[in-house]
Amino acid sequence: MTAEEFPSEFTLSSRTGAIVVTTTEQGLPRAISVERDRLRQDPELLASEILRLCKQSAARAGVERRAQLRAAGLSPELLALTGLPTTDDVTRQEYVEEQDYETEPDSWLRPI
């Protein structure tokens, strides 16, 4: 993968697909899509989920960048110095966040 082939945007969605973020490699949001029902929830919870998705997007982009640099011939020692996450790092972090983050709805009742 050359620099020209490396994507400039990364898209990630919540498990339910209700929130979709498109970010830069650094996790800065470029587009956010939120289903109408999610707009009725507590704004702080919505913001924290969007922020979590942006951070995950940046981490996954870091894994892709690391793979690109490895394919370009960068030594493991230099890769370690980049600070880019490994697949294991990202998997572990996402698992921890999933355990900490409340993904269940506050109520199973829907507004009429």
C-alpha atoms as a PDB file:
ATOM      1  CA  MET A   1       0.000   0.000   0.000  1.00  0.00           C
ATOM      2  CA  THR A   2       1.515   3.304  -1.034  1.00  0.00           C
ATOM      3  CA  ALA A   3       0.784   6.715   0.472  1.00  0.00           C
ATOM      4  CA  GLU A   4      -1.589   7.383  -2.414  1.00  0.00           C
ATOM      5  CA  GLU A   5      -3.549   4.223  -1.561  1.00  0.00           C
ATOM      6  CA  PHE A   6      -3.897   5.014   2.137  1.00  0.00           C
ATOM      7  CA  PRO A   7      -7.429   6.246   2.829  1.00  0.00           C
ATOM      8  CA  SER A   8      -7.923   9.817   4.011  1.00  0.00           C
ATOM      9  CA  GLU A   9     -11.195   9.002   5.769  1.00  0.00           C
ATOM     10  CA  PHE A  10     -12.266   6.181   8.058  1.00  0.00           C
ATOM     11  CA  THR A  11     -15.861   5.269   8.846  1.00  0.00           C
ATOM     12  CA  LEU A  12     -17.064   3.476  11.946  1.00  0.00           C
ATOM     13  CA  SER A  13     -20.560   2.832  13.275  1.00  0.00           C
ATOM     14  CA  SER A  14     -22.046   1.920  16.616  1.00  0.00           C
ATOM     15  CA  ARG A  15     -23.070  -1.683  17.120  1.00  0.00           C
ATOM     16  CA  THR A  16     -26.676  -0.840  16.304  1.00  0.00           C
ATOM     17  CA  GLY A  17     -25.719   1.324  13.339  1.00  0.00           C
ATOM     18  CA  ALA A  18     -27.629   4.252  14.856  1.00  0.00           C
ATOM     19  CA  ILE A  19     -24.498   6.416  14.892  1.00  0.00           C
ATOM     20  CA  VAL A  20     -21.962   6.557  12.071  1.00  0.00           C
ATOM     21  CA  VAL A  21     -18.834   8.704  12.170  1.00  0.00           C
ATOM     22  CA  THR A  22     -16.380   9.430   9.400  1.00  0.00           C
ATOM     23  CA  THR A  23     -13.039  10.690  10.679  1.00  0.00           C
ATOM     24  CA  THR A  24      -9.551  11.633   9.636  1.00  0.00           C
ATOM     25  CA  GLU A  25      -6.658   9.339  10.468  1.00  0.00           C
ATOM     26  CA  GLN A  26      -6.271  11.252  13.740  1.00  0.00           C
ATOM     27  CA  GLY A  27      -9.924  10.709  14.693  1.00  0.00           C
ATOM     28  CA  LEU A  28     -11.203  14.191  13.895  1.00  0.00           C
ATOM     29  CA  PRO A  29     -14.820  13.927  12.781  1.00  0.00           C
ATOM     30  CA  ARG A  30     -15.593  14.834   9.173  1.00  0.00           C
ATOM     31  CA  ALA A  31     -19.177  13.565   9.147  1.00  0.00           C
ATOM     32  CA  ILE A  32     -21.570  12.311  11.801  1.00  0.00           C
ATOM     33  CA  SER A  33     -24.867  10.570  11.147  1.00  0.00           C
ATOM     34  CA  VAL A  34     -27.298   9.959  14.003  1.00  0.00           C
ATOM     35  CA  GLU A  35     -30.657   8.241  13.747  1.00  0.00           C
ATOM     36  CA  ARG A  36     -33.535  10.444  14.855  1.00  0.00           C
ATOM     37  CA  ASP A  37     -34.396   8.286  17.896  1.00  0.00           C
ATOM     38  CA  ARG A  38     -30.896   8.708  19.292  1.00  0.00           C
ATOM     39  CA  LEU A  39     -31.313  12.485  19.249  1.00  0.00           C
ATOM     40  CA  ARG A  40     -33.911  12.121  22.013  1.00  0.00           C
ATOM     41  CA  GLN A  41     -31.447  10.620  24.472  1.00  0.00           C
ATOM     42  CA  ASP A  42     -29.315  12.501  26.965  1.00  0.00           C
ATOM     43  CA  PRO A  43     -26.951  14.767  24.970  1.00  0.00           C
ATOM     44  CA  GLU A  44     -24.021  13.867  27.228  1.00  0.00           C
ATOM     45  CA  LEU A  45     -24.460  10.153  26.484  1.00  0.00           C
ATOM     46  CA  LEU A  46     -24.748  10.830  22.768  1.00  0.00           C
ATOM     47  CA  ALA A  47     -21.623  12.996  22.791  1.00  0.00           C
ATOM     48  CA  SER A  48     -19.649  10.384  24.725  1.00  0.00           C
ATOM     49  CA  GLU A  49     -20.619   7.672  22.249  1.00  0.00           C
ATOM     50  CA  ILE A  50     -19.622   9.864  19.304  1.00  0.00           C
ATOM     51  CA  LEU A  51     -16.298  10.638  20.973  1.00  0.00           C
ATOM     52  CA  ARG A  52     -15.719   6.931  21.688  1.00  0.00           C
ATOM     53  CA  LEU A  53     -16.374   6.083  18.034  1.00  0.00           C
ATOM     54  CA  CYS A  54     -13.966   8.815  16.880  1.00  0.00           C
ATOM     55  CA  LYS A  55     -11.242   7.435  19.168  1.00  0.00           C
ATOM     56  CA  GLN A  56     -11.852   3.893  17.906  1.00  0.00           C
ATOM     57  CA  SER A  57     -11.691   5.116  14.332  1.00  0.00           C
ATOM     58  CA  ALA A  58      -8.331   6.768  15.009  1.00  0.00           C
ATOM     59  CA  ALA A  59      -7.006   3.604  16.645  1.00  0.00           C
ATOM     60  CA  ARG A  60      -8.072   1.446  13.722  1.00  0.00           C
ATOM     61  CA  ALA A  61      -6.528   3.939  11.302  1.00  0.00           C
ATOM     62  CA  GLY A  62      -3.309   3.659  13.325  1.00  0.00           C
ATOM     63  CA  VAL A  63      -3.347  -0.108  12.848  1.00  0.00           C
ATOM     64  CA  GLU A  64      -3.747   0.379   9.092  1.00  0.00           C
ATOM     65  CA  ARG A  65      -0.914   2.929   9.021  1.00  0.00           C
ATOM     66  CA  ARG A  66       1.296   0.521  10.971  1.00  0.00           C
ATOM     67  CA  ALA A  67       0.556  -2.230   8.419  1.00  0.00           C
ATOM     68  CA  GLN A  68       1.385   0.181   5.584  1.00  0.00           C
ATOM     69  CA  LEU A  69       4.731   1.064   7.170  1.00  0.00           C
ATOM     70  CA  ARG A  70       5.532  -2.614   7.827  1.00  0.00           C
ATOM     71  CA  ALA A  71       4.753  -3.429   4.169  1.00  0.00           C
ATOM     72  CA  ALA A  72       7.056  -0.572   3.130  1.00  0.00           C
ATOM     73  CA  GLY A  73       9.897  -2.288   4.980  1.00  0.00           C
ATOM     74  CA  LEU A  74      10.076  -0.395   8.287  1.00  0.00           C
ATOM     75  CA  SER A  75      11.827  -2.532  10.897  1.00  0.00           C
ATOM     76  CA  PRO A  76       9.933  -3.759  13.984  1.00  0.00           C
ATOM     77  CA  GLU A  77      12.150  -1.579  16.173  1.00  0.00           C
ATOM     78  CA  LEU A  78      11.223   1.560  14.246  1.00  0.00           C
ATOM     79  CA  LEU A  79       7.565   0.544  14.147  1.00  0.00           C
ATOM     80  CA  ALA A  80       7.603   0.308  17.930  1.00  0.00           C
ATOM     81  CA  LEU A  81       8.977   3.855  18.117  1.00  0.00           C
ATOM     82  CA  THR A  82       6.111   5.250  16.032  1.00  0.00           C
ATOM     83  CA  GLY A  83       3.665   4.691  18.859  1.00  0.00           C
ATOM     84  CA  LEU A  84       1.104   3.340  16.419  1.00  0.00           C
ATOM     85  CA  PRO A  85      -1.158   0.720  18.005  1.00  0.00           C
ATOM     86  CA  THR A  86      -1.024  -2.962  17.188  1.00  0.00           C
ATOM     87  CA  THR A  87      -4.099  -4.992  16.346  1.00  0.00           C
ATOM     88  CA  ASP A  88      -3.902  -6.560  19.806  1.00  0.00           C
ATOM     89  CA  ASP A  89      -3.762  -3.112  21.443  1.00  0.00           C
ATOM     90  CA  VAL A  90      -6.889  -1.974  19.620  1.00  0.00           C
ATOM     91  CA  THR A  91      -8.775  -5.215  20.226  1.00  0.00           C
ATOM     92  CA  ARG A  92      -7.963  -5.080  23.934  1.00  0.00           C
ATOM     93  CA  GLN A  93      -8.981  -1.420  24.226  1.00  0.00           C
ATOM     94  CA  GLU A  94     -12.251  -1.946  22.360  1.00  0.00           C
ATOM     95  CA  TYR A  95     -13.088  -4.894  24.611  1.00  0.00           C
ATOM     96  CA  VAL A  96     -12.460  -2.819  27.745  1.00  0.00           C
ATOM     97  CA  GLU A  97     -14.528   0.070  26.392  1.00  0.00           C
ATOM     98  CA  GLU A  98     -17.347  -2.266  25.447  1.00  0.00           C
ATOM     99  CA  GLN A  99     -17.432  -3.599  29.015  1.00  0.00           C
ATOM    100  CA  ASP A 100     -17.381  -0.077  30.487  1.00  0.00           C
ATOM    101  CA  TYR A 101     -19.743   1.578  28.047  1.00  0.00           C
ATOM    102  CA  GLU A 102     -23.460   1.260  28.617  1.00  0.00           C
ATOM    103  CA  THR A 103     -24.951   0.110  25.321  1.00  0.00           C
ATOM    104  CA  GLU A 104     -28.323  -1.026  26.656  1.00  0.00           C
ATOM    105  CA  PRO A 105     -31.199   1.415  26.318  1.00  0.00           C
ATOM    106  CA  ASP A 106     -32.520   3.113  29.479  1.00  0.00           C
ATOM    107  CA  SER A 107     -35.970   1.806  28.640  1.00  0.00           C
ATOM    108  CA  TRP A 108     -37.376  -0.758  26.289  1.00  0.00           C
ATOM    109  CA  LEU A 109     -40.428   1.420  25.822  1.00  0.00           C
ATOM    110  CA  ARG A 110     -40.596   3.498  22.653  1.00  0.00           C
ATOM    111  CA  PRO A 111     -42.237   6.927  22.451  1.00  0.00           C
ATOM    112  CA  ILE A 112     -45.594   6.903  20.748  1.00  0.00           C
END
